[in-house]
């Protein structure tokens, strides 16, 4: 059984967006059983945890004797043994892999910069000045994605780990309304988040933090 490491508590505004959700979703899509290992701030700087995650972050996945960090690497690892996550043919696997990297390298930095500014610095003078440039860059990436997805259900022909990563990135903009400006992209996010595996993964993450939020 896989062991997935995540936080035992997070602030309410990030519930449903903690990055272990990406791994949960992949495990649910593949029908792979897993258990949780919960950590707190006191665990993150310890030498033992830094041997598993050099930056003290989550998620971490333990697969037998192998320990992996970084959500993209974890999903590609799971995809190597699950046809539900990655095609078995070399061409299909390569196409899905390049889109997985595109989600993390070409799209996420611009989306995350904008989302973080809105979450942590909204209304501050420097943020008001900086936001138009960040939004412009994010919109360029969204427009390119919208063009690619026109007439396509998924990024690389069928649902793969690339769609888990890309949808997770795009959800960072949920409160901005930017994705809804693009018909194909908006339909794509709705299609992916309607999948039963996503709904199960999201519900499980929300349920984990609900008791902590109630007593916070």
C-alpha atoms as a PDB file:
ATOM      1  CA  UNK A   1       0.000   0.000   0.000  1.00  0.00           C
ATOM      2  CA  UNK A   2       1.187   3.507  -0.783  1.00  0.00           C
ATOM      3  CA  UNK A   3       1.722   6.029   2.005  1.00  0.00           C
ATOM      4  CA  UNK A   4       0.996   9.668   1.213  1.00  0.00           C
ATOM      5  CA  UNK A   5       2.419  12.372   3.454  1.00  0.00           C
ATOM      6  CA  UNK A   6       0.479  15.593   3.903  1.00  0.00           C
ATOM      7  CA  UNK A   7      -0.214  18.238   6.537  1.00  0.00           C
ATOM      8  CA  UNK A   8      -2.376  17.512   9.558  1.00  0.00           C
ATOM      9  CA  UNK A   9      -3.666  21.105   9.503  1.00  0.00           C
ATOM     10  CA  UNK A  10      -3.844  23.922   6.937  1.00  0.00           C
ATOM     11  CA  UNK A  11      -5.513  27.371   6.940  1.00  0.00           C
ATOM     12  CA  UNK A  12      -9.155  27.256   5.820  1.00  0.00           C
ATOM     13  CA  UNK A  13      -8.557  29.156   2.577  1.00  0.00           C
ATOM     14  CA  UNK A  14      -6.277  26.439   1.168  1.00  0.00           C
ATOM     15  CA  UNK A  15      -8.506  23.468   2.000  1.00  0.00           C
ATOM     16  CA  UNK A  16      -9.271  21.766  -1.293  1.00  0.00           C
ATOM     17  CA  UNK A  17      -6.076  23.077  -2.881  1.00  0.00           C
ATOM     18  CA  UNK A  18      -3.311  21.391  -0.854  1.00  0.00           C
ATOM     19  CA  UNK A  19      -1.002  19.655  -3.297  1.00  0.00           C
ATOM     20  CA  UNK A  20      -1.518  16.180  -1.934  1.00  0.00           C
ATOM     21  CA  UNK A  21      -4.839  16.443  -3.820  1.00  0.00           C
ATOM     22  CA  UNK A  22      -2.961  15.831  -7.069  1.00  0.00           C
ATOM     23  CA  UNK A  23      -1.622  12.547  -5.761  1.00  0.00           C
ATOM     24  CA  UNK A  24      -4.921  11.534  -4.175  1.00  0.00           C
ATOM     25  CA  UNK A  25      -6.641  12.122  -7.506  1.00  0.00           C
ATOM     26  CA  UNK A  26      -4.120   9.985  -9.394  1.00  0.00           C
ATOM     27  CA  UNK A  27      -4.381   7.171  -6.862  1.00  0.00           C
ATOM     28  CA  UNK A  28      -8.177   7.242  -7.106  1.00  0.00           C
ATOM     29  CA  UNK A  29      -8.079   7.219 -10.921  1.00  0.00           C
ATOM     30  CA  UNK A  30      -5.810   4.169 -10.847  1.00  0.00           C
ATOM     31  CA  UNK A  31      -7.774   2.439  -8.082  1.00  0.00           C
ATOM     32  CA  UNK A  32      -4.664   2.178  -5.914  1.00  0.00           C
ATOM     33  CA  UNK A  33      -5.081   1.932  -2.121  1.00  0.00           C
ATOM     34  CA  UNK A  34      -3.172   4.329   0.089  1.00  0.00           C
ATOM     35  CA  UNK A  35      -2.866   5.523   3.654  1.00  0.00           C
ATOM     36  CA  UNK A  36      -2.025   8.947   5.032  1.00  0.00           C
ATOM     37  CA  UNK A  37       0.911  10.042   7.121  1.00  0.00           C
ATOM     38  CA  UNK A  38       0.244  13.441   8.695  1.00  0.00           C
ATOM     39  CA  UNK A  39       2.962  15.919   9.620  1.00  0.00           C
ATOM     40  CA  UNK A  40       3.105  19.368  11.190  1.00  0.00           C
ATOM     41  CA  UNK A  41       5.514  22.322  11.266  1.00  0.00           C
ATOM     42  CA  UNK A  42       7.610  20.589  13.887  1.00  0.00           C
ATOM     43  CA  UNK A  43       8.326  17.724  11.467  1.00  0.00           C
ATOM     44  CA  UNK A  44       9.232  19.771   8.389  1.00  0.00           C
ATOM     45  CA  UNK A  45      12.735  20.945   9.428  1.00  0.00           C
ATOM     46  CA  UNK A  46      13.843  17.650  10.957  1.00  0.00           C
ATOM     47  CA  UNK A  47      16.792  15.836   9.337  1.00  0.00           C
ATOM     48  CA  UNK A  48      14.689  12.693   8.965  1.00  0.00           C
ATOM     49  CA  UNK A  49      12.001  14.471   6.959  1.00  0.00           C
ATOM     50  CA  UNK A  50      14.503  16.490   4.920  1.00  0.00           C
ATOM     51  CA  UNK A  51      15.984  13.178   3.778  1.00  0.00           C
ATOM     52  CA  UNK A  52      12.603  12.458   2.202  1.00  0.00           C
ATOM     53  CA  UNK A  53      11.725  16.000   1.097  1.00  0.00           C
ATOM     54  CA  UNK A  54      14.776  18.288   0.968  1.00  0.00           C
ATOM     55  CA  UNK A  55      12.606  21.431   1.101  1.00  0.00           C
ATOM     56  CA  UNK A  56      10.325  20.260   3.906  1.00  0.00           C
ATOM     57  CA  UNK A  57       7.220  20.412   1.737  1.00  0.00           C
ATOM     58  CA  UNK A  58       4.431  18.002   0.852  1.00  0.00           C
ATOM     59  CA  UNK A  59       3.416  15.708  -0.759  1.00  0.00           C
ATOM     60  CA  UNK A  60       5.729  12.760  -0.256  1.00  0.00           C
ATOM     61  CA  UNK A  61       4.822   9.306  -1.501  1.00  0.00           C
ATOM     62  CA  UNK A  62       6.268   6.084  -0.170  1.00  0.00           C
ATOM     63  CA  UNK A  63       6.064   3.124  -2.527  1.00  0.00           C
ATOM     64  CA  UNK A  64       7.619   0.238  -0.686  1.00  0.00           C
ATOM     65  CA  UNK A  65      11.281   1.097  -0.198  1.00  0.00           C
ATOM     66  CA  UNK A  66      11.111   4.026  -2.618  1.00  0.00           C
ATOM     67  CA  UNK A  67      10.289   7.554  -1.431  1.00  0.00           C
ATOM     68  CA  UNK A  68       9.366  10.286  -3.897  1.00  0.00           C
ATOM     69  CA  UNK A  69       8.749  14.025  -3.611  1.00  0.00           C
ATOM     70  CA  UNK A  70       7.367  16.628  -6.073  1.00  0.00           C
ATOM     71  CA  UNK A  71       3.832  16.059  -7.318  1.00  0.00           C
ATOM     72  CA  UNK A  72       4.853  15.842 -10.973  1.00  0.00           C
ATOM     73  CA  UNK A  73       7.464  13.173 -10.306  1.00  0.00           C
ATOM     74  CA  UNK A  74       5.039  11.250  -8.119  1.00  0.00           C
ATOM     75  CA  UNK A  75       2.323  11.244 -10.782  1.00  0.00           C
ATOM     76  CA  UNK A  76       4.700  10.109 -13.507  1.00  0.00           C
ATOM     77  CA  UNK A  77       5.911   7.342 -11.195  1.00  0.00           C
ATOM     78  CA  UNK A  78       2.349   6.168 -10.628  1.00  0.00           C
ATOM     79  CA  UNK A  79       1.633   6.447 -14.330  1.00  0.00           C
ATOM     80  CA  UNK A  80       4.494   4.095 -15.141  1.00  0.00           C
ATOM     81  CA  UNK A  81       2.494   1.245 -13.630  1.00  0.00           C
ATOM     82  CA  UNK A  82      -1.057   2.332 -14.468  1.00  0.00           C
ATOM     83  CA  UNK A  83      -2.634   2.496 -17.917  1.00  0.00           C
ATOM     84  CA  UNK A  84      -5.353   4.655 -16.359  1.00  0.00           C
ATOM     85  CA  UNK A  85      -2.770   7.405 -15.808  1.00  0.00           C
ATOM     86  CA  UNK A  86      -0.398   7.098 -18.763  1.00  0.00           C
ATOM     87  CA  UNK A  87      -0.694   5.321 -22.129  1.00  0.00           C
ATOM     88  CA  UNK A  88       1.420   2.203 -22.529  1.00  0.00           C
ATOM     89  CA  UNK A  89       2.590   3.115 -26.043  1.00  0.00           C
ATOM     90  CA  UNK A  90       5.754   5.194 -26.264  1.00  0.00           C
ATOM     91  CA  UNK A  91       4.240   7.964 -28.375  1.00  0.00           C
ATOM     92  CA  UNK A  92       1.230   8.451 -26.142  1.00  0.00           C
ATOM     93  CA  UNK A  93       3.378   8.369 -23.012  1.00  0.00           C
ATOM     94  CA  UNK A  94       5.783  10.957 -24.421  1.00  0.00           C
ATOM     95  CA  UNK A  95       2.955  13.292 -25.446  1.00  0.00           C
ATOM     96  CA  UNK A  96       1.345  13.079 -22.007  1.00  0.00           C
ATOM     97  CA  UNK A  97       4.704  13.601 -20.308  1.00  0.00           C
ATOM     98  CA  UNK A  98       5.454  16.782 -22.249  1.00  0.00           C
ATOM     99  CA  UNK A  99       2.076  18.183 -21.242  1.00  0.00           C
ATOM    100  CA  UNK A 100       2.739  17.258 -17.620  1.00  0.00           C
ATOM    101  CA  UNK A 101       5.907  19.345 -17.773  1.00  0.00           C
ATOM    102  CA  UNK A 102       4.035  22.131 -19.571  1.00  0.00           C
ATOM    103  CA  UNK A 103       1.529  22.301 -16.713  1.00  0.00           C
ATOM    104  CA  UNK A 104       4.294  22.665 -14.144  1.00  0.00           C
ATOM    105  CA  UNK A 105       6.782  24.795 -16.099  1.00  0.00           C
ATOM    106  CA  UNK A 106       4.886  26.858 -18.689  1.00  0.00           C
ATOM    107  CA  UNK A 107       1.613  27.468 -16.856  1.00  0.00           C
ATOM    108  CA  UNK A 108       1.914  27.024 -13.086  1.00  0.00           C
ATOM    109  CA  UNK A 109       4.561  29.710 -12.393  1.00  0.00           C
ATOM    110  CA  UNK A 110       2.409  32.442 -13.972  1.00  0.00           C
ATOM    111  CA  UNK A 111      -0.842  31.180 -12.478  1.00  0.00           C
ATOM    112  CA  UNK A 112       0.676  30.695  -9.028  1.00  0.00           C
ATOM    113  CA  UNK A 113       2.271  34.157  -9.014  1.00  0.00           C
ATOM    114  CA  UNK A 114      -1.087  35.761  -9.671  1.00  0.00           C
ATOM    115  CA  UNK A 115      -2.972  33.546  -7.222  1.00  0.00           C
ATOM    116  CA  UNK A 116      -0.438  34.179  -4.456  1.00  0.00           C
ATOM    117  CA  UNK A 117      -0.559  37.928  -4.978  1.00  0.00           C
ATOM    118  CA  UNK A 118      -4.360  37.898  -4.741  1.00  0.00           C
ATOM    119  CA  UNK A 119      -4.292  35.693  -1.656  1.00  0.00           C
ATOM    120  CA  UNK A 120      -1.579  37.418   0.353  1.00  0.00           C
ATOM    121  CA  UNK A 121      -1.124  40.986  -0.901  1.00  0.00           C
ATOM    122  CA  UNK A 122      -4.407  42.123  -2.377  1.00  0.00           C
ATOM    123  CA  UNK A 123      -4.931  45.839  -1.843  1.00  0.00           C
ATOM    124  CA  UNK A 124      -1.305  46.650  -1.073  1.00  0.00           C
ATOM    125  CA  UNK A 125       0.126  49.441  -3.191  1.00  0.00           C
ATOM    126  CA  UNK A 126       2.932  47.383  -4.700  1.00  0.00           C
ATOM    127  CA  UNK A 127       0.514  44.545  -5.511  1.00  0.00           C
ATOM    128  CA  UNK A 128      -1.924  46.883  -7.265  1.00  0.00           C
ATOM    129  CA  UNK A 129       0.949  48.093  -9.433  1.00  0.00           C
ATOM    130  CA  UNK A 130       2.297  44.618 -10.123  1.00  0.00           C
ATOM    131  CA  UNK A 131      -0.988  42.769 -10.758  1.00  0.00           C
ATOM    132  CA  UNK A 132      -1.741  43.902 -14.354  1.00  0.00           C
ATOM    133  CA  UNK A 133       1.547  42.460 -15.626  1.00  0.00           C
ATOM    134  CA  UNK A 134       0.999  39.163 -13.818  1.00  0.00           C
ATOM    135  CA  UNK A 135      -2.561  38.900 -15.094  1.00  0.00           C
ATOM    136  CA  UNK A 136      -1.460  39.671 -18.649  1.00  0.00           C
ATOM    137  CA  UNK A 137       1.084  36.848 -18.603  1.00  0.00           C
ATOM    138  CA  UNK A 138      -1.390  34.418 -17.065  1.00  0.00           C
ATOM    139  CA  UNK A 139      -3.981  35.320 -19.695  1.00  0.00           C
ATOM    140  CA  UNK A 140      -1.486  34.626 -22.467  1.00  0.00           C
ATOM    141  CA  UNK A 141      -0.950  31.135 -21.139  1.00  0.00           C
ATOM    142  CA  UNK A 142      -4.692  30.575 -20.722  1.00  0.00           C
ATOM    143  CA  UNK A 143      -5.350  31.760 -24.279  1.00  0.00           C
ATOM    144  CA  UNK A 144      -2.757  29.352 -25.664  1.00  0.00           C
ATOM    145  CA  UNK A 145      -4.308  26.501 -23.703  1.00  0.00           C
ATOM    146  CA  UNK A 146      -7.790  27.456 -24.876  1.00  0.00           C
ATOM    147  CA  UNK A 147      -6.609  27.312 -28.481  1.00  0.00           C
ATOM    148  CA  UNK A 148      -5.034  23.894 -27.954  1.00  0.00           C
ATOM    149  CA  UNK A 149      -8.123  22.483 -26.246  1.00  0.00           C
ATOM    150  CA  UNK A 150     -10.594  23.692 -28.868  1.00  0.00           C
ATOM    151  CA  UNK A 151     -12.068  20.459 -30.229  1.00  0.00           C
ATOM    152  CA  UNK A 152     -10.189  18.318 -27.703  1.00  0.00           C
ATOM    153  CA  UNK A 153     -11.482  16.752 -24.505  1.00  0.00           C
ATOM    154  CA  UNK A 154      -8.029  16.329 -22.958  1.00  0.00           C
ATOM    155  CA  UNK A 155      -4.489  17.585 -23.496  1.00  0.00           C
ATOM    156  CA  UNK A 156      -3.006  14.546 -25.182  1.00  0.00           C
ATOM    157  CA  UNK A 157      -5.977  12.719 -26.669  1.00  0.00           C
ATOM    158  CA  UNK A 158      -7.170  10.927 -23.536  1.00  0.00           C
ATOM    159  CA  UNK A 159      -7.180  11.597 -19.814  1.00  0.00           C
ATOM    160  CA  UNK A 160      -3.714  11.271 -18.236  1.00  0.00           C
ATOM    161  CA  UNK A 161      -1.639  12.572 -15.358  1.00  0.00           C
ATOM    162  CA  UNK A 162      -1.065  15.694 -17.468  1.00  0.00           C
ATOM    163  CA  UNK A 163      -4.733  16.583 -17.064  1.00  0.00           C
ATOM    164  CA  UNK A 164      -4.543  16.061 -13.310  1.00  0.00           C
ATOM    165  CA  UNK A 165      -1.623  18.466 -13.111  1.00  0.00           C
ATOM    166  CA  UNK A 166      -3.037  21.052 -15.504  1.00  0.00           C
ATOM    167  CA  UNK A 167      -6.475  21.078 -13.889  1.00  0.00           C
ATOM    168  CA  UNK A 168      -4.898  21.391 -10.440  1.00  0.00           C
ATOM    169  CA  UNK A 169      -2.900  24.379 -11.660  1.00  0.00           C
ATOM    170  CA  UNK A 170      -5.909  26.051 -13.270  1.00  0.00           C
ATOM    171  CA  UNK A 171      -7.983  25.628 -10.105  1.00  0.00           C
ATOM    172  CA  UNK A 172      -5.604  28.069  -8.404  1.00  0.00           C
ATOM    173  CA  UNK A 173      -7.498  30.731 -10.366  1.00  0.00           C
ATOM    174  CA  UNK A 174     -10.939  29.679  -9.113  1.00  0.00           C
ATOM    175  CA  UNK A 175     -11.499  32.960  -7.282  1.00  0.00           C
ATOM    176  CA  UNK A 176     -10.256  35.145 -10.145  1.00  0.00           C
ATOM    177  CA  UNK A 177     -12.801  34.221 -12.812  1.00  0.00           C
ATOM    178  CA  UNK A 178     -10.080  34.269 -15.471  1.00  0.00           C
ATOM    179  CA  UNK A 179     -10.586  30.710 -16.688  1.00  0.00           C
ATOM    180  CA  UNK A 180     -14.270  31.363 -17.387  1.00  0.00           C
ATOM    181  CA  UNK A 181     -13.251  33.858 -20.082  1.00  0.00           C
ATOM    182  CA  UNK A 182     -12.124  30.957 -22.270  1.00  0.00           C
ATOM    183  CA  UNK A 183     -14.889  28.563 -23.407  1.00  0.00           C
ATOM    184  CA  UNK A 184     -12.776  25.528 -24.281  1.00  0.00           C
ATOM    185  CA  UNK A 185     -10.607  25.896 -21.192  1.00  0.00           C
ATOM    186  CA  UNK A 186     -13.572  26.393 -18.888  1.00  0.00           C
ATOM    187  CA  UNK A 187     -15.278  23.301 -20.321  1.00  0.00           C
ATOM    188  CA  UNK A 188     -12.047  21.347 -19.894  1.00  0.00           C
ATOM    189  CA  UNK A 189     -11.752  22.175 -16.194  1.00  0.00           C
ATOM    190  CA  UNK A 190     -15.424  21.324 -15.668  1.00  0.00           C
ATOM    191  CA  UNK A 191     -14.944  18.006 -17.498  1.00  0.00           C
ATOM    192  CA  UNK A 192     -11.925  17.017 -15.433  1.00  0.00           C
ATOM    193  CA  UNK A 193     -13.363  18.045 -12.067  1.00  0.00           C
ATOM    194  CA  UNK A 194     -16.570  16.122 -12.828  1.00  0.00           C
ATOM    195  CA  UNK A 195     -14.630  12.861 -12.802  1.00  0.00           C
ATOM    196  CA  UNK A 196     -15.565  10.614  -9.851  1.00  0.00           C
ATOM    197  CA  UNK A 197     -11.915  10.202  -8.841  1.00  0.00           C
ATOM    198  CA  UNK A 198     -11.464  13.953  -8.481  1.00  0.00           C
ATOM    199  CA  UNK A 199     -14.665  14.293  -6.467  1.00  0.00           C
ATOM    200  CA  UNK A 200     -13.569  11.480  -4.137  1.00  0.00           C
ATOM    201  CA  UNK A 201     -10.073  12.920  -3.684  1.00  0.00           C
ATOM    202  CA  UNK A 202     -11.415  16.402  -2.997  1.00  0.00           C
ATOM    203  CA  UNK A 203     -14.033  15.160  -0.538  1.00  0.00           C
ATOM    204  CA  UNK A 204     -11.405  13.164   1.344  1.00  0.00           C
ATOM    205  CA  UNK A 205      -9.089  16.159   1.638  1.00  0.00           C
ATOM    206  CA  UNK A 206     -11.891  18.424   2.841  1.00  0.00           C
ATOM    207  CA  UNK A 207     -12.973  15.779   5.348  1.00  0.00           C
ATOM    208  CA  UNK A 208      -9.437  15.507   6.722  1.00  0.00           C
ATOM    209  CA  UNK A 209      -9.306  19.183   7.615  1.00  0.00           C
ATOM    210  CA  UNK A 210     -12.925  19.677   8.658  1.00  0.00           C
ATOM    211  CA  UNK A 211     -12.441  18.591  12.319  1.00  0.00           C
ATOM    212  CA  UNK A 212      -9.361  20.811  12.625  1.00  0.00           C
ATOM    213  CA  UNK A 213     -11.223  23.806  11.176  1.00  0.00           C
ATOM    214  CA  UNK A 214     -14.125  23.267  13.563  1.00  0.00           C
ATOM    215  CA  UNK A 215     -11.823  23.431  16.603  1.00  0.00           C
ATOM    216  CA  UNK A 216      -9.440  26.119  15.329  1.00  0.00           C
END
